[in-house]
Amino acid sequence: MTKTKNIQRLNALALGYAAAIVSAIGMLLLGIFGNLGTYTFAVEQMMKWHMFFSLSIGGIIAGMIEAAVWGFIIAFIFGWIYNKFN
């Protein structure tokens, strides 16, 4: 009698989408709190790390899009590599 191994694969695409949504929401919250005058150090760092993020409405939206793209790419690659080792 042979035992079959039940291998569960990670859905890399779904992981990428989830990370994109979380990244965009995080950038939105950072933009809102930055405009309220809190988390100023984190806002300054995000402005250095992200090309399009600023505290204007357009800058927050552009930062959300950029964060979503990077979040998707990183999480998708992570899921793909995880599945290769699984």
Protein backbone atom coordinates (compact mmCIF):
# COMPACT_ATOMS: atom_id res chain seq x y z
CA MET A 1 0.00 0.00 0.00
CA THR A 2 1.50 3.32 -1.01
CA LYS A 3 0.75 6.58 0.67
CA THR A 4 0.11 9.52 -1.58
CA LYS A 5 1.34 12.87 -0.50
CA ASN A 6 -1.35 15.54 -0.42
CA ILE A 7 0.51 18.54 -1.76
CA GLN A 8 -1.26 21.83 -1.38
CA ARG A 9 -0.10 24.54 -3.69
CA LEU A 10 -0.29 28.20 -2.89
CA ASN A 11 -2.34 30.26 -5.31
CA ALA A 12 0.35 32.80 -6.21
CA LEU A 13 -2.05 34.99 -8.17
CA ALA A 14 -4.49 35.29 -5.26
CA LEU A 15 -1.59 36.02 -2.91
CA GLY A 16 -0.42 38.77 -5.26
CA TYR A 17 -3.89 40.33 -5.43
CA ALA A 18 -4.26 40.24 -1.65
CA ALA A 19 -0.87 41.88 -1.15
CA ALA A 20 -1.73 44.56 -3.73
CA ILE A 21 -4.94 45.43 -1.90
CA VAL A 22 -3.26 45.52 1.51
CA SER A 23 -0.40 47.65 0.15
CA ALA A 24 -2.78 50.15 -1.44
CA ILE A 25 -4.86 50.42 1.74
CA GLY A 26 -1.70 50.93 3.79
CA MET A 27 -0.56 53.73 1.49
CA LEU A 28 -4.00 55.35 1.68
CA LEU A 29 -3.95 55.26 5.46
CA LEU A 30 -0.43 56.65 5.54
CA GLY A 31 -1.50 59.50 3.27
CA ILE A 32 -4.52 60.29 5.45
CA PHE A 33 -2.54 60.17 8.69
CA GLY A 34 0.26 62.17 7.09
CA ASN A 35 -2.19 64.93 6.20
CA LEU A 36 -3.40 64.91 9.79
CA GLY A 37 0.16 65.46 11.00
CA THR A 38 0.81 62.05 12.51
CA TYR A 39 3.35 59.44 11.43
CA THR A 40 5.43 62.17 9.79
CA PHE A 41 8.62 60.11 9.90
CA ALA A 42 6.93 57.21 8.09
CA VAL A 43 5.51 59.65 5.52
CA GLU A 44 8.97 61.11 4.90
CA GLN A 45 10.41 57.63 4.41
CA MET A 46 7.63 56.64 1.99
CA MET A 47 8.27 59.80 -0.01
CA LYS A 48 11.91 58.72 -0.29
CA TRP A 49 11.16 55.08 -1.14
CA HIS A 50 8.27 55.59 -3.57
CA MET A 51 8.70 57.73 -6.66
CA PHE A 52 5.10 58.96 -6.88
CA PHE A 53 3.90 59.23 -3.26
CA SER A 54 3.19 62.65 -1.79
CA LEU A 55 0.56 64.11 0.51
CA SER A 56 -1.56 65.56 -2.30
CA ILE A 57 -4.62 63.69 -3.52
CA GLY A 58 -2.86 62.79 -6.76
CA GLY A 59 0.27 61.76 -4.88
CA ILE A 60 -1.67 59.49 -2.56
CA ILE A 61 -3.48 57.82 -5.47
CA ALA A 62 -0.23 57.42 -7.42
CA GLY A 63 1.44 56.03 -4.28
CA MET A 64 -1.41 53.56 -3.83
CA ILE A 65 -1.02 52.35 -7.40
CA GLU A 66 2.75 52.06 -7.06
CA ALA A 67 2.45 50.21 -3.74
CA ALA A 68 -0.16 47.86 -5.22
CA VAL A 69 2.09 47.03 -8.17
CA TRP A 70 5.11 46.36 -5.98
CA GLY A 71 3.05 44.40 -3.46
CA PHE A 72 1.61 42.22 -6.22
CA ILE A 73 4.99 41.56 -7.82
CA ILE A 74 6.74 40.65 -4.57
CA ALA A 75 3.93 38.44 -3.26
CA PHE A 76 3.45 36.70 -6.62
CA ILE A 77 7.16 35.90 -6.87
CA PHE A 78 7.13 34.67 -3.26
CA GLY A 79 4.16 32.38 -4.00
CA TRP A 80 5.76 31.10 -7.20
CA ILE A 81 9.04 30.29 -5.42
CA TYR A 82 7.14 28.69 -2.53
CA ASN A 83 5.35 26.40 -4.98
CA LYS A 84 8.66 25.42 -6.57
CA PHE A 85 9.96 24.22 -3.20
CA ASN A 86 6.68 22.53 -2.24
